[in-house]
C-alpha atoms as a PDB file:
ATOM      1  CA  UNK A   1     -26.816   9.336   0.967  1.00  0.00           C
ATOM      2  CA  UNK A   2     -25.736  12.873   0.070  1.00  0.00           C
ATOM      3  CA  UNK A   3     -23.181  13.157  -2.697  1.00  0.00           C
ATOM      4  CA  UNK A   4     -21.395  15.967  -0.863  1.00  0.00           C
ATOM      5  CA  UNK A   5     -20.176  13.464   1.739  1.00  0.00           C
ATOM      6  CA  UNK A   6     -18.125  11.782  -0.977  1.00  0.00           C
ATOM      7  CA  UNK A   7     -16.016  14.841  -1.630  1.00  0.00           C
ATOM      8  CA  UNK A   8     -15.066  15.204   2.039  1.00  0.00           C
ATOM      9  CA  UNK A   9     -13.280  11.857   1.980  1.00  0.00           C
ATOM     10  CA  UNK A  10      -9.996  11.467   0.076  1.00  0.00           C
ATOM     11  CA  UNK A  11     -10.409   7.728  -0.085  1.00  0.00           C
ATOM     12  CA  UNK A  12     -10.232   6.490  -3.682  1.00  0.00           C
ATOM     13  CA  UNK A  13     -10.708   2.857  -4.663  1.00  0.00           C
ATOM     14  CA  UNK A  14      -8.896   3.274  -8.093  1.00  0.00           C
ATOM     15  CA  UNK A  15      -8.626  -0.109  -6.489  1.00  0.00           C
ATOM     16  CA  UNK A  16      -5.568  -0.089  -8.675  1.00  0.00           C
ATOM     17  CA  UNK A  17      -7.789  -2.330 -10.745  1.00  0.00           C
ATOM     18  CA  UNK A  18      -5.023  -3.684 -12.974  1.00  0.00           C
ATOM     19  CA  UNK A  19      -2.415  -5.746 -11.177  1.00  0.00           C
ATOM     20  CA  UNK A  20       0.500  -7.940 -12.285  1.00  0.00           C
ATOM     21  CA  UNK A  21      -0.322 -11.632 -12.358  1.00  0.00           C
ATOM     22  CA  UNK A  22       3.148 -12.516 -11.106  1.00  0.00           C
ATOM     23  CA  UNK A  23       3.636 -12.792  -7.357  1.00  0.00           C
ATOM     24  CA  UNK A  24       6.303 -13.032  -4.707  1.00  0.00           C
ATOM     25  CA  UNK A  25       6.596 -13.836  -1.019  1.00  0.00           C
ATOM     26  CA  UNK A  26       7.381 -10.680   0.930  1.00  0.00           C
ATOM     27  CA  UNK A  27       7.058 -11.226   4.672  1.00  0.00           C
ATOM     28  CA  UNK A  28      10.628  -9.933   4.929  1.00  0.00           C
ATOM     29  CA  UNK A  29       9.557  -6.346   4.282  1.00  0.00           C
ATOM     30  CA  UNK A  30       8.995  -4.052   7.230  1.00  0.00           C
ATOM     31  CA  UNK A  31       5.566  -2.416   7.406  1.00  0.00           C
ATOM     32  CA  UNK A  32       6.451   0.839   5.644  1.00  0.00           C
ATOM     33  CA  UNK A  33       8.316  -0.991   2.870  1.00  0.00           C
ATOM     34  CA  UNK A  34       5.401  -3.371   2.322  1.00  0.00           C
ATOM     35  CA  UNK A  35       2.893  -0.499   2.167  1.00  0.00           C
ATOM     36  CA  UNK A  36       5.062   1.426  -0.275  1.00  0.00           C
ATOM     37  CA  UNK A  37       5.205  -1.608  -2.571  1.00  0.00           C
ATOM     38  CA  UNK A  38       1.406  -2.031  -2.341  1.00  0.00           C
ATOM     39  CA  UNK A  39       0.960   1.646  -3.227  1.00  0.00           C
ATOM     40  CA  UNK A  40       3.059   1.155  -6.337  1.00  0.00           C
ATOM     41  CA  UNK A  41       2.140  -2.410  -7.298  1.00  0.00           C
ATOM     42  CA  UNK A  42       0.552  -1.515 -10.609  1.00  0.00           C
ATOM     43  CA  UNK A  43       1.815  -1.851 -14.167  1.00  0.00           C
ATOM     44  CA  UNK A  44       2.230   1.629 -15.627  1.00  0.00           C
ATOM     45  CA  UNK A  45       1.154   2.457 -19.178  1.00  0.00           C
ATOM     46  CA  UNK A  46      -1.794   0.077 -19.061  1.00  0.00           C
ATOM     47  CA  UNK A  47      -5.555   0.515 -19.285  1.00  0.00           C
ATOM     48  CA  UNK A  48      -8.718  -1.231 -18.162  1.00  0.00           C
ATOM     49  CA  UNK A  49     -12.412  -1.206 -19.021  1.00  0.00           C
ATOM     50  CA  UNK A  50     -14.803  -2.936 -16.649  1.00  0.00           C
ATOM     51  CA  UNK A  51     -18.515  -3.146 -17.481  1.00  0.00           C
ATOM     52  CA  UNK A  52     -21.103  -4.938 -15.398  1.00  0.00           C
ATOM     53  CA  UNK A  53     -23.902  -4.550 -12.942  1.00  0.00           C
ATOM     54  CA  UNK A  54     -24.425  -3.617  -9.319  1.00  0.00           C
ATOM     55  CA  UNK A  55     -27.248  -4.718  -7.030  1.00  0.00           C
ATOM     56  CA  UNK A  56     -28.286  -3.619  -3.551  1.00  0.00           C
ATOM     57  CA  UNK A  57     -30.537  -5.202  -0.946  1.00  0.00           C
ATOM     58  CA  UNK A  58     -31.568  -3.299   2.171  1.00  0.00           C
ATOM     59  CA  UNK A  59     -33.167  -4.673   5.296  1.00  0.00           C
ATOM     60  CA  UNK A  60     -36.939  -4.377   5.031  1.00  0.00           C
ATOM     61  CA  UNK A  61     -36.915  -3.674   1.277  1.00  0.00           C
ATOM     62  CA  UNK A  62     -39.195  -5.854  -0.827  1.00  0.00           C
ATOM     63  CA  UNK A  63     -36.973  -5.791  -3.910  1.00  0.00           C
ATOM     64  CA  UNK A  64     -33.352  -5.619  -5.036  1.00  0.00           C
ATOM     65  CA  UNK A  65     -32.212  -2.321  -6.587  1.00  0.00           C
ATOM     66  CA  UNK A  66     -30.078  -2.780  -9.732  1.00  0.00           C
ATOM     67  CA  UNK A  67     -27.962  -0.611 -12.031  1.00  0.00           C
ATOM     68  CA  UNK A  68     -25.380  -0.900 -14.794  1.00  0.00           C
ATOM     69  CA  UNK A  69     -21.840   0.274 -14.126  1.00  0.00           C
ATOM     70  CA  UNK A  70     -18.748   1.034 -16.201  1.00  0.00           C
ATOM     71  CA  UNK A  71     -15.226   1.882 -15.052  1.00  0.00           C
ATOM     72  CA  UNK A  72     -12.632   3.082 -17.564  1.00  0.00           C
ATOM     73  CA  UNK A  73      -9.058   3.509 -16.315  1.00  0.00           C
ATOM     74  CA  UNK A  74      -5.607   4.513 -17.500  1.00  0.00           C
ATOM     75  CA  UNK A  75      -2.426   3.979 -15.499  1.00  0.00           C
ATOM     76  CA  UNK A  76       0.113   6.574 -16.620  1.00  0.00           C
ATOM     77  CA  UNK A  77       3.643   7.078 -15.303  1.00  0.00           C
ATOM     78  CA  UNK A  78       2.399   9.641 -12.751  1.00  0.00           C
ATOM     79  CA  UNK A  79      -1.260   8.972 -11.945  1.00  0.00           C
ATOM     80  CA  UNK A  80      -4.381   6.861 -12.326  1.00  0.00           C
ATOM     81  CA  UNK A  81      -7.185   8.395 -14.394  1.00  0.00           C
ATOM     82  CA  UNK A  82     -10.668   6.932 -14.131  1.00  0.00           C
ATOM     83  CA  UNK A  83     -14.201   7.530 -15.424  1.00  0.00           C
ATOM     84  CA  UNK A  84     -17.050   5.868 -13.509  1.00  0.00           C
ATOM     85  CA  UNK A  85     -20.525   5.734 -15.036  1.00  0.00           C
ATOM     86  CA  UNK A  86     -23.608   4.246 -13.387  1.00  0.00           C
ATOM     87  CA  UNK A  87     -27.108   4.007 -14.839  1.00  0.00           C
ATOM     88  CA  UNK A  88     -30.340   2.779 -13.283  1.00  0.00           C
ATOM     89  CA  UNK A  89     -31.197  -0.610 -14.808  1.00  0.00           C
ATOM     90  CA  UNK A  90     -34.729   0.631 -15.550  1.00  0.00           C
ATOM     91  CA  UNK A  91     -33.403   3.522 -17.632  1.00  0.00           C
ATOM     92  CA  UNK A  92     -33.910   6.229 -15.037  1.00  0.00           C
ATOM     93  CA  UNK A  93     -31.089   8.049 -13.236  1.00  0.00           C
ATOM     94  CA  UNK A  94     -27.600   8.140 -14.707  1.00  0.00           C
ATOM     95  CA  UNK A  95     -24.430   9.810 -13.466  1.00  0.00           C
ATOM     96  CA  UNK A  96     -20.683   9.781 -13.957  1.00  0.00           C
ATOM     97  CA  UNK A  97     -17.535  10.805 -12.123  1.00  0.00           C
ATOM     98  CA  UNK A  98     -14.018  11.557 -13.323  1.00  0.00           C
ATOM     99  CA  UNK A  99     -11.401  10.601 -10.732  1.00  0.00           C
ATOM    100  CA  UNK A 100      -7.673  11.275 -10.704  1.00  0.00           C
ATOM    101  CA  UNK A 101      -5.155   9.899  -8.205  1.00  0.00           C
ATOM    102  CA  UNK A 102      -1.473  10.924  -8.376  1.00  0.00           C
ATOM    103  CA  UNK A 103       0.958   8.233  -7.281  1.00  0.00           C
ATOM    104  CA  UNK A 104       2.803  10.680  -5.026  1.00  0.00           C
ATOM    105  CA  UNK A 105      -0.050  10.795  -2.511  1.00  0.00           C
ATOM    106  CA  UNK A 106      -1.422  14.211  -3.523  1.00  0.00           C
ATOM    107  CA  UNK A 107      -5.197  14.645  -2.979  1.00  0.00           C
ATOM    108  CA  UNK A 108      -7.626  12.777  -5.166  1.00  0.00           C
ATOM    109  CA  UNK A 109      -9.618  14.887  -7.641  1.00  0.00           C
ATOM    110  CA  UNK A 110     -13.290  13.977  -8.189  1.00  0.00           C
ATOM    111  CA  UNK A 111     -15.421  15.749 -10.788  1.00  0.00           C
ATOM    112  CA  UNK A 112     -19.115  14.873 -11.122  1.00  0.00           C
ATOM    113  CA  UNK A 113     -20.949  15.311 -14.404  1.00  0.00           C
ATOM    114  CA  UNK A 114     -22.682  18.695 -14.540  1.00  0.00           C
ATOM    115  CA  UNK A 115     -26.213  17.364 -15.047  1.00  0.00           C
ATOM    116  CA  UNK A 116     -26.308  15.428 -11.774  1.00  0.00           C
ATOM    117  CA  UNK A 117     -28.606  16.165  -8.841  1.00  0.00           C
ATOM    118  CA  UNK A 118     -26.735  17.980  -6.061  1.00  0.00           C
ATOM    119  CA  UNK A 119     -28.532  16.133  -3.261  1.00  0.00           C
ATOM    120  CA  UNK A 120     -29.039  12.564  -4.476  1.00  0.00           C
ATOM    121  CA  UNK A 121     -26.316  10.209  -5.642  1.00  0.00           C
ATOM    122  CA  UNK A 122     -27.253   7.063  -7.557  1.00  0.00           C
ATOM    123  CA  UNK A 123     -23.844   5.638  -6.698  1.00  0.00           C
ATOM    124  CA  UNK A 124     -24.534   6.454  -3.060  1.00  0.00           C
ATOM    125  CA  UNK A 125     -27.776   4.473  -3.162  1.00  0.00           C
ATOM    126  CA  UNK A 126     -25.581   1.380  -3.478  1.00  0.00           C
ATOM    127  CA  UNK A 127     -23.302   2.424  -0.630  1.00  0.00           C
ATOM    128  CA  UNK A 128     -20.536   3.245  -3.115  1.00  0.00           C
ATOM    129  CA  UNK A 129     -18.301   6.293  -3.416  1.00  0.00           C
ATOM    130  CA  UNK A 130     -16.594   7.447  -6.619  1.00  0.00           C
ATOM    131  CA  UNK A 131     -13.300   6.802  -4.843  1.00  0.00           C
ATOM    132  CA  UNK A 132     -14.307   3.217  -4.026  1.00  0.00           C
ATOM    133  CA  UNK A 133     -13.399   2.355  -7.579  1.00  0.00           C
ATOM    134  CA  UNK A 134      -9.894   3.806  -7.116  1.00  0.00           C
ATOM    135  CA  UNK A 135      -8.307   3.050  -3.690  1.00  0.00           C
ATOM    136  CA  UNK A 136      -6.723   6.212  -2.294  1.00  0.00           C
ATOM    137  CA  UNK A 137      -7.012   5.007   1.283  1.00  0.00           C
ATOM    138  CA  UNK A 138      -3.634   3.343   0.685  1.00  0.00           C
ATOM    139  CA  UNK A 139      -2.180   6.880   0.774  1.00  0.00           C
ATOM    140  CA  UNK A 140      -3.644   7.678   4.188  1.00  0.00           C
ATOM    141  CA  UNK A 141      -1.277   7.894   7.155  1.00  0.00           C
ATOM    142  CA  UNK A 142       0.036   4.549   8.374  1.00  0.00           C
ATOM    143  CA  UNK A 143      -0.902   3.992  12.010  1.00  0.00           C
ATOM    144  CA  UNK A 144      -0.093   0.350  12.792  1.00  0.00           C
ATOM    145  CA  UNK A 145       0.146  -3.231  11.545  1.00  0.00           C
ATOM    146  CA  UNK A 146      -2.069  -5.958  12.991  1.00  0.00           C
ATOM    147  CA  UNK A 147      -1.511  -9.722  13.010  1.00  0.00           C
ATOM    148  CA  UNK A 148      -1.740 -11.501   9.668  1.00  0.00           C
ATOM    149  CA  UNK A 149      -5.082 -13.007   8.669  1.00  0.00           C
ATOM    150  CA  UNK A 150      -6.333 -15.289   5.898  1.00  0.00           C
ATOM    151  CA  UNK A 151      -8.927 -13.903   3.460  1.00  0.00           C
ATOM    152  CA  UNK A 152     -10.295 -15.967   0.577  1.00  0.00           C
ATOM    153  CA  UNK A 153      -7.502 -18.466   1.174  1.00  0.00           C
ATOM    154  CA  UNK A 154      -4.795 -15.813   0.838  1.00  0.00           C
ATOM    155  CA  UNK A 155      -2.436 -14.821   3.640  1.00  0.00           C
ATOM    156  CA  UNK A 156      -2.841 -11.087   4.219  1.00  0.00           C
ATOM    157  CA  UNK A 157      -0.888  -8.486   6.112  1.00  0.00           C
ATOM    158  CA  UNK A 158      -3.348  -6.191   7.887  1.00  0.00           C
ATOM    159  CA  UNK A 159      -2.530  -2.477   7.997  1.00  0.00           C
ATOM    160  CA  UNK A 160      -4.350   0.308   9.797  1.00  0.00           C
ATOM    161  CA  UNK A 161      -4.404   3.702   8.091  1.00  0.00           C
ATOM    162  CA  UNK A 162      -6.092   6.944   9.080  1.00  0.00           C
ATOM    163  CA  UNK A 163      -7.370   9.853   7.009  1.00  0.00           C
ATOM    164  CA  UNK A 164      -5.385  12.864   8.354  1.00  0.00           C
ATOM    165  CA  UNK A 165      -8.326  15.236   7.757  1.00  0.00           C
ATOM    166  CA  UNK A 166     -11.478  13.295   8.655  1.00  0.00           C
ATOM    167  CA  UNK A 167      -9.828  10.796  11.055  1.00  0.00           C
ATOM    168  CA  UNK A 168     -11.700   7.980   9.333  1.00  0.00           C
ATOM    169  CA  UNK A 169      -9.802   4.733   9.876  1.00  0.00           C
ATOM    170  CA  UNK A 170      -9.390   1.699   7.616  1.00  0.00           C
ATOM    171  CA  UNK A 171      -8.063  -1.803   8.159  1.00  0.00           C
ATOM    172  CA  UNK A 172      -6.699  -3.039   4.843  1.00  0.00           C
ATOM    173  CA  UNK A 173      -6.075  -6.750   4.317  1.00  0.00           C
ATOM    174  CA  UNK A 174      -3.316  -6.867   1.683  1.00  0.00           C
ATOM    175  CA  UNK A 175      -2.242 -10.155   0.084  1.00  0.00           C
ATOM    176  CA  UNK A 176       1.337 -10.807   1.159  1.00  0.00           C
ATOM    177  CA  UNK A 177       1.820 -12.604  -2.159  1.00  0.00           C
ATOM    178  CA  UNK A 178       0.282 -10.138  -4.615  1.00  0.00           C
ATOM    179  CA  UNK A 179       0.594  -6.825  -2.680  1.00  0.00           C
ATOM    180  CA  UNK A 180      -3.118  -6.324  -3.374  1.00  0.00           C
ATOM    181  CA  UNK A 181      -6.019  -5.384  -1.021  1.00  0.00           C
ATOM    182  CA  UNK A 182      -8.447  -8.285  -0.667  1.00  0.00           C
ATOM    183  CA  UNK A 183     -10.596  -6.831   2.102  1.00  0.00           C
ATOM    184  CA  UNK A 184     -11.145  -3.360   3.572  1.00  0.00           C
ATOM    185  CA  UNK A 185     -13.004  -2.254   6.705  1.00  0.00           C
ATOM    186  CA  UNK A 186     -13.955   1.407   7.335  1.00  0.00           C
ATOM    187  CA  UNK A 187     -14.387   2.860  10.804  1.00  0.00           C
ATOM    188  CA  UNK A 188     -15.709   6.275  11.715  1.00  0.00           C
ATOM    189  CA  UNK A 189     -13.480   8.285  14.048  1.00  0.00           C
ATOM    190  CA  UNK A 190     -13.283   6.698  17.521  1.00  0.00           C
ATOM    191  CA  UNK A 191     -15.586   3.808  16.571  1.00  0.00           C
ATOM    192  CA  UNK A 192     -14.701   0.128  17.039  1.00  0.00           C
ATOM    193  CA  UNK A 193     -17.253  -1.466  14.685  1.00  0.00           C
ATOM    194  CA  UNK A 194     -16.828  -0.999  10.909  1.00  0.00           C
ATOM    195  CA  UNK A 195     -19.685   0.754   9.135  1.00  0.00           C
ATOM    196  CA  UNK A 196     -18.584  -0.349   5.637  1.00  0.00           C
ATOM    197  CA  UNK A 197     -16.789  -3.470   4.463  1.00  0.00           C
ATOM    198  CA  UNK A 198     -15.606  -4.664   1.072  1.00  0.00           C
ATOM    199  CA  UNK A 199     -14.264  -8.066   0.030  1.00  0.00           C
ATOM    200  CA  UNK A 200     -12.953  -8.942  -3.428  1.00  0.00           C
ATOM    201  CA  UNK A 201     -14.915 -12.018  -4.503  1.00  0.00           C
ATOM    202  CA  UNK A 202     -13.384 -12.899  -7.878  1.00  0.00           C
ATOM    203  CA  UNK A 203     -10.553 -12.100 -10.293  1.00  0.00           C
ATOM    204  CA  UNK A 204     -10.005 -12.339 -14.023  1.00  0.00           C
ATOM    205  CA  UNK A 205      -6.656 -12.603 -15.784  1.00  0.00           C
ATOM    206  CA  UNK A 206      -5.828 -11.640 -19.370  1.00  0.00           C
ATOM    207  CA  UNK A 207      -2.270 -12.383 -20.428  1.00  0.00           C
ATOM    208  CA  UNK A 208       0.075 -10.967 -17.807  1.00  0.00           C
ATOM    209  CA  UNK A 209      -2.573  -8.628 -16.370  1.00  0.00           C
ATOM    210  CA  UNK A 210      -5.362  -9.265 -13.917  1.00  0.00           C
ATOM    211  CA  UNK A 211      -8.309  -7.437 -12.376  1.00  0.00           C
ATOM    212  CA  UNK A 212     -10.961  -7.965  -9.703  1.00  0.00           C
ATOM    213  CA  UNK A 213     -14.115  -9.062 -11.499  1.00  0.00           C
ATOM    214  CA  UNK A 214     -16.401  -8.821  -8.498  1.00  0.00           C
ATOM    215  CA  UNK A 215     -16.623  -7.571  -4.942  1.00  0.00           C
ATOM    216  CA  UNK A 216     -19.117  -7.443  -2.095  1.00  0.00           C
ATOM    217  CA  UNK A 217     -19.744  -4.271  -0.109  1.00  0.00           C
ATOM    218  CA  UNK A 218     -21.853  -4.333   3.042  1.00  0.00           C
ATOM    219  CA  UNK A 219     -22.777  -2.552   6.237  1.00  0.00           C
ATOM    220  CA  UNK A 220     -25.468  -2.667   8.934  1.00  0.00           C
ATOM    221  CA  UNK A 221     -28.752  -3.556   7.216  1.00  0.00           C
ATOM    222  CA  UNK A 222     -27.536  -3.485   3.610  1.00  0.00           C
ATOM    223  CA  UNK A 223     -25.411  -5.385   1.103  1.00  0.00           C
ATOM    224  CA  UNK A 224     -24.193  -4.473  -2.402  1.00  0.00           C
ATOM    225  CA  UNK A 225     -22.734  -6.813  -4.989  1.00  0.00           C
ATOM    226  CA  UNK A 226     -20.686  -5.609  -7.969  1.00  0.00           C
ATOM    227  CA  UNK A 227     -20.032  -7.974 -10.884  1.00  0.00           C
ATOM    228  CA  UNK A 228     -17.992  -7.021 -13.941  1.00  0.00           C
ATOM    229  CA  UNK A 229     -18.908  -9.478 -16.714  1.00  0.00           C
ATOM    230  CA  UNK A 230     -17.179  -7.572 -19.521  1.00  0.00           C
ATOM    231  CA  UNK A 231     -13.512  -6.832 -18.776  1.00  0.00           C
ATOM    232  CA  UNK A 232     -10.816  -5.637 -21.137  1.00  0.00           C
ATOM    233  CA  UNK A 233      -7.214  -5.069 -20.082  1.00  0.00           C
ATOM    234  CA  UNK A 234      -4.283  -3.937 -22.183  1.00  0.00           C
ATOM    235  CA  UNK A 235      -0.996  -2.118 -22.580  1.00  0.00           C
ATOM    236  CA  UNK A 236      -1.005   1.464 -23.868  1.00  0.00           C
ATOM    237  CA  UNK A 237       1.651   0.653 -26.460  1.00  0.00           C
ATOM    238  CA  UNK A 238      -0.811  -1.692 -28.165  1.00  0.00           C
ATOM    239  CA  UNK A 239      -3.491   0.992 -28.459  1.00  0.00           C
ATOM    240  CA  UNK A 240      -6.329   2.312 -26.280  1.00  0.00           C
ATOM    241  CA  UNK A 241     -10.034   1.789 -27.112  1.00  0.00           C
ATOM    242  CA  UNK A 242     -11.793   5.030 -28.114  1.00  0.00           C
ATOM    243  CA  UNK A 243     -14.646   4.572 -25.674  1.00  0.00           C
ATOM    244  CA  UNK A 244     -12.610   4.109 -22.509  1.00  0.00           C
ATOM    245  CA  UNK A 245     -13.772   7.436 -20.961  1.00  0.00           C
ATOM    246  CA  UNK A 246     -17.219   7.785 -22.540  1.00  0.00           C
ATOM    247  CA  UNK A 247     -20.539   7.205 -20.775  1.00  0.00           C
ATOM    248  CA  UNK A 248     -21.523   4.588 -23.349  1.00  0.00           C
ATOM    249  CA  UNK A 249     -21.683   0.995 -22.152  1.00  0.00           C
ATOM    250  CA  UNK A 250     -20.495  -0.192 -25.562  1.00  0.00           C
ATOM    251  CA  UNK A 251     -16.817   0.400 -26.320  1.00  0.00           C
ATOM    252  CA  UNK A 252     -15.354   1.093 -29.763  1.00  0.00           C
ATOM    253  CA  UNK A 253     -11.983  -0.351 -30.684  1.00  0.00           C
END
């Protein structure tokens, strides 16, 4: 998968990784109000570090491809800042991306590390995009709301949004209790079958903050699993670890 395709999509899965643990019932909100709350349902002045592994199995492949992954994030009063680092589990390829997403819906910025190959993306080998770990699709144009559905035992409101430039379409299954995406389906323009799907498989809570600790991503003939087994969440006022935006998989206090 060519890395250049990532930059043509303003998608961004700064999957607002940190979320408040508290919840409320909100079926009373009209579609636009509900979406606006989901876009802003993040505690500002917080940070997150998620370290784990990612594995991919493709149809016909004799083995499972594995890598280590780290996501460092800061939620400021105006934007989400993120650094994504991925490294082949065998010590081969390594790459990183710096991603910024303003809360006001302005375009996502994605900067790849300078030493990366221009044609091959390690992240892409797993079916991932830099933006997948940041969630900008929530800022795409709202097209419609579908009937509610249950995902992982949670009642979800299902919204359809379209990228105004590429016309890529997503169905986002947002928990009506937590204002948080639990499942996402991507459709190419004018297509009725999703070519990528993601489902949050597990969460971890620390104090009054929480984060997805795992998710499954899949498409025709392939499946990727992401597990974060080392998660740290905190408030900026209590200090920020020095290694939050480094490529190192060990983090200094």
